[in-house]
């Protein structure tokens, strides 16, 4: 395996490990009812669920991009 292939494989393994960092056996799934309650509470605070989801997505993608950039 070349050095580049090793770096890319390591990056994939790091991303895979991160993807499994929040197992449902530890962090129980959120129900639709829970999401509706959360949306109501957030809306009362002036925050939308869309804004919250976007913030989570940016955080995840930022870290994944960092792993990829290191590998490339």
N, C-alpha and C. Protein backbone atom coordinates (compact mmCIF):
# COMPACT_ATOMS: atom_id res chain seq x y z
N UNK A 1 0.85 -1.18 0.00
CA UNK A 1 0.00 0.00 0.00
C UNK A 1 0.90 1.24 0.00
N UNK A 2 0.55 2.22 -0.81
CA UNK A 2 1.33 3.45 -0.89
C UNK A 2 1.05 4.33 0.34
N UNK A 3 1.91 5.31 0.53
CA UNK A 3 1.72 6.25 1.65
C UNK A 3 0.38 6.96 1.52
N UNK A 4 0.03 7.37 0.29
CA UNK A 4 -1.25 8.05 0.06
C UNK A 4 -2.42 7.13 0.40
N UNK A 5 -2.35 5.90 -0.04
CA UNK A 5 -3.42 4.95 0.26
C UNK A 5 -3.55 4.72 1.76
N UNK A 6 -2.45 4.68 2.47
CA UNK A 6 -2.48 4.52 3.92
C UNK A 6 -3.14 5.72 4.59
N UNK A 7 -2.79 6.93 4.12
CA UNK A 7 -3.40 8.14 4.67
C UNK A 7 -4.91 8.16 4.42
N UNK A 8 -5.31 7.79 3.21
CA UNK A 8 -6.73 7.79 2.87
C UNK A 8 -7.49 6.73 3.67
N UNK A 9 -6.88 5.55 3.82
CA UNK A 9 -7.52 4.51 4.62
C UNK A 9 -7.65 4.95 6.07
N UNK A 10 -6.62 5.58 6.60
CA UNK A 10 -6.68 6.08 7.97
C UNK A 10 -7.79 7.11 8.11
N UNK A 11 -7.93 8.00 7.13
CA UNK A 11 -8.99 9.01 7.17
C UNK A 11 -10.36 8.34 7.18
N UNK A 12 -10.54 7.34 6.32
CA UNK A 12 -11.82 6.64 6.28
C UNK A 12 -12.12 5.94 7.61
N UNK A 13 -11.12 5.34 8.20
CA UNK A 13 -11.32 4.66 9.49
C UNK A 13 -11.65 5.66 10.60
N UNK A 14 -11.02 6.85 10.57
CA UNK A 14 -11.33 7.88 11.56
C UNK A 14 -12.77 8.37 11.41
N UNK A 15 -13.19 8.57 10.16
CA UNK A 15 -14.57 9.02 9.91
C UNK A 15 -15.55 7.93 10.34
N UNK A 16 -15.23 6.67 10.02
CA UNK A 16 -16.10 5.56 10.41
C UNK A 16 -16.22 5.48 11.94
N UNK A 17 -15.10 5.63 12.65
CA UNK A 17 -15.11 5.58 14.11
C UNK A 17 -15.98 6.70 14.66
N UNK A 18 -15.87 7.88 14.08
CA UNK A 18 -16.67 9.02 14.53
C UNK A 18 -18.16 8.76 14.28
N UNK A 19 -18.46 8.12 13.14
CA UNK A 19 -19.86 7.82 12.81
C UNK A 19 -20.49 6.86 13.81
N UNK A 20 -19.66 6.06 14.47
CA UNK A 20 -20.17 5.10 15.45
C UNK A 20 -19.99 5.58 16.89
N UNK A 21 -19.67 6.85 17.06
CA UNK A 21 -19.37 7.38 18.39
C UNK A 21 -20.61 7.62 19.25
N UNK A 22 -21.78 7.59 18.64
CA UNK A 22 -23.01 7.89 19.36
C UNK A 22 -24.02 6.74 19.19
N UNK A 23 -23.72 5.57 19.74
CA UNK A 23 -24.59 4.41 19.53
C UNK A 23 -25.96 4.59 20.20
N UNK A 24 -26.98 4.02 19.57
CA UNK A 24 -28.33 4.16 20.12
C UNK A 24 -28.50 3.39 21.43
N UNK A 25 -27.54 2.53 21.74
CA UNK A 25 -27.59 1.84 23.02
C UNK A 25 -27.23 2.78 24.18
N UNK A 26 -26.54 3.87 23.85
CA UNK A 26 -26.16 4.86 24.85
C UNK A 26 -27.01 6.11 24.71
N UNK A 27 -27.15 6.58 23.49
CA UNK A 27 -27.93 7.78 23.20
C UNK A 27 -29.22 7.34 22.51
N UNK A 28 -30.28 7.21 23.28
CA UNK A 28 -31.53 6.70 22.75
C UNK A 28 -32.06 7.59 21.62
N UNK A 29 -32.69 6.98 20.61
CA UNK A 29 -33.25 7.76 19.51
C UNK A 29 -34.29 8.75 20.01
N UNK A 30 -34.37 9.87 19.34
CA UNK A 30 -35.35 10.90 19.65
C UNK A 30 -36.61 10.58 18.85
N UNK A 31 -37.75 10.62 19.50
CA UNK A 31 -39.01 10.33 18.82
C UNK A 31 -39.53 11.58 18.12
N UNK A 32 -40.51 11.39 17.25
CA UNK A 32 -41.15 12.53 16.59
C UNK A 32 -41.78 13.46 17.63
N UNK A 33 -42.37 12.86 18.66
CA UNK A 33 -42.96 13.67 19.73
C UNK A 33 -41.91 14.51 20.45
N UNK A 34 -40.74 13.91 20.70
CA UNK A 34 -39.64 14.65 21.33
C UNK A 34 -39.22 15.82 20.45
N UNK A 35 -39.15 15.58 19.15
CA UNK A 35 -38.74 16.64 18.22
C UNK A 35 -39.75 17.78 18.20
N UNK A 36 -41.02 17.45 18.28
CA UNK A 36 -42.06 18.49 18.31
C UNK A 36 -41.93 19.33 19.57
N UNK A 37 -41.69 18.67 20.70
CA UNK A 37 -41.50 19.40 21.96
C UNK A 37 -40.27 20.30 21.86
N UNK A 38 -39.18 19.74 21.36
CA UNK A 38 -37.95 20.53 21.22
C UNK A 38 -38.17 21.72 20.29
N UNK A 39 -38.89 21.51 19.20
CA UNK A 39 -39.16 22.60 18.26
C UNK A 39 -39.96 23.71 18.93
N UNK A 40 -40.92 23.33 19.75
CA UNK A 40 -41.74 24.31 20.47
C UNK A 40 -40.89 25.13 21.44
N UNK A 41 -40.05 24.43 22.20
CA UNK A 41 -39.18 25.11 23.17
C UNK A 41 -38.20 26.02 22.46
N UNK A 42 -37.60 25.53 21.39
CA UNK A 42 -36.64 26.34 20.64
C UNK A 42 -37.31 27.56 20.03
N UNK A 43 -38.49 27.35 19.44
CA UNK A 43 -39.20 28.46 18.81
C UNK A 43 -39.50 29.55 19.83
N UNK A 44 -39.87 29.15 21.04
CA UNK A 44 -40.15 30.12 22.10
C UNK A 44 -38.90 30.91 22.46
N UNK A 45 -37.74 30.33 22.19
CA UNK A 45 -36.46 31.01 22.47
C UNK A 45 -35.92 31.74 21.25
N UNK A 46 -36.68 31.72 20.14
CA UNK A 46 -36.26 32.41 18.93
C UNK A 46 -35.28 31.62 18.06
N UNK A 47 -35.26 30.31 18.28
CA UNK A 47 -34.36 29.44 17.50
C UNK A 47 -35.21 28.43 16.75
N UNK A 48 -34.92 28.24 15.47
CA UNK A 48 -35.68 27.26 14.70
C UNK A 48 -34.94 25.92 14.67
N UNK A 49 -35.69 24.85 14.49
CA UNK A 49 -35.07 23.53 14.34
C UNK A 49 -34.16 23.52 13.12
N UNK A 50 -34.55 24.23 12.05
CA UNK A 50 -33.71 24.29 10.86
C UNK A 50 -32.35 24.89 11.18
N UNK A 51 -32.34 25.95 11.98
CA UNK A 51 -31.07 26.58 12.36
C UNK A 51 -30.22 25.62 13.19
N UNK A 52 -30.87 24.89 14.09
CA UNK A 52 -30.15 23.93 14.92
C UNK A 52 -29.58 22.80 14.07
N UNK A 53 -30.38 22.26 13.16
CA UNK A 53 -29.89 21.20 12.27
C UNK A 53 -28.73 21.70 11.40
N UNK A 54 -28.84 22.91 10.92
CA UNK A 54 -27.76 23.48 10.09
C UNK A 54 -26.47 23.61 10.90
N UNK A 55 -26.59 24.02 12.15
CA UNK A 55 -25.40 24.16 13.01
C UNK A 55 -24.76 22.79 13.24
N UNK A 56 -25.58 21.77 13.49
CA UNK A 56 -25.04 20.42 13.68
C UNK A 56 -24.35 19.93 12.41
N UNK A 57 -24.99 20.14 11.26
CA UNK A 57 -24.42 19.69 9.99
C UNK A 57 -23.09 20.39 9.72
N UNK A 58 -23.03 21.70 9.96
CA UNK A 58 -21.76 22.43 9.75
C UNK A 58 -20.67 21.89 10.67
N UNK A 59 -21.01 21.60 11.92
CA UNK A 59 -20.02 21.07 12.86
C UNK A 59 -19.48 19.72 12.37
N UNK A 60 -20.38 18.83 12.00
CA UNK A 60 -19.97 17.51 11.52
C UNK A 60 -19.13 17.63 10.26
N UNK A 61 -19.61 18.39 9.29
CA UNK A 61 -18.88 18.51 8.03
C UNK A 61 -17.54 19.22 8.20
N UNK A 62 -17.46 20.15 9.13
CA UNK A 62 -16.19 20.83 9.39
C UNK A 62 -15.14 19.82 9.85
N UNK A 63 -15.54 18.97 10.80
CA UNK A 63 -14.59 17.98 11.33
C UNK A 63 -14.24 16.92 10.29
N UNK A 64 -15.21 16.48 9.50
CA UNK A 64 -14.93 15.49 8.46
C UNK A 64 -14.02 16.11 7.40
N UNK A 65 -14.27 17.35 7.04
CA UNK A 65 -13.42 18.03 6.06
C UNK A 65 -11.99 18.13 6.58
N UNK A 66 -11.82 18.38 7.87
CA UNK A 66 -10.48 18.43 8.45
C UNK A 66 -9.76 17.10 8.31
N UNK A 67 -10.45 16.01 8.56
CA UNK A 67 -9.86 14.68 8.42
C UNK A 67 -9.46 14.43 6.96
N UNK A 68 -10.34 14.78 6.05
CA UNK A 68 -10.06 14.60 4.62
C UNK A 68 -8.89 15.46 4.18
N UNK A 69 -8.86 16.72 4.61
CA UNK A 69 -7.77 17.62 4.22
C UNK A 69 -6.42 17.10 4.70
N UNK A 70 -6.39 16.53 5.91
CA UNK A 70 -5.14 15.96 6.41
C UNK A 70 -4.68 14.79 5.56
N UNK A 71 -5.63 14.00 5.09
CA UNK A 71 -5.30 12.80 4.31
C UNK A 71 -4.84 13.14 2.90
N UNK A 72 -5.41 14.20 2.35
CA UNK A 72 -5.05 14.57 0.99
C UNK A 72 -3.81 15.43 1.00
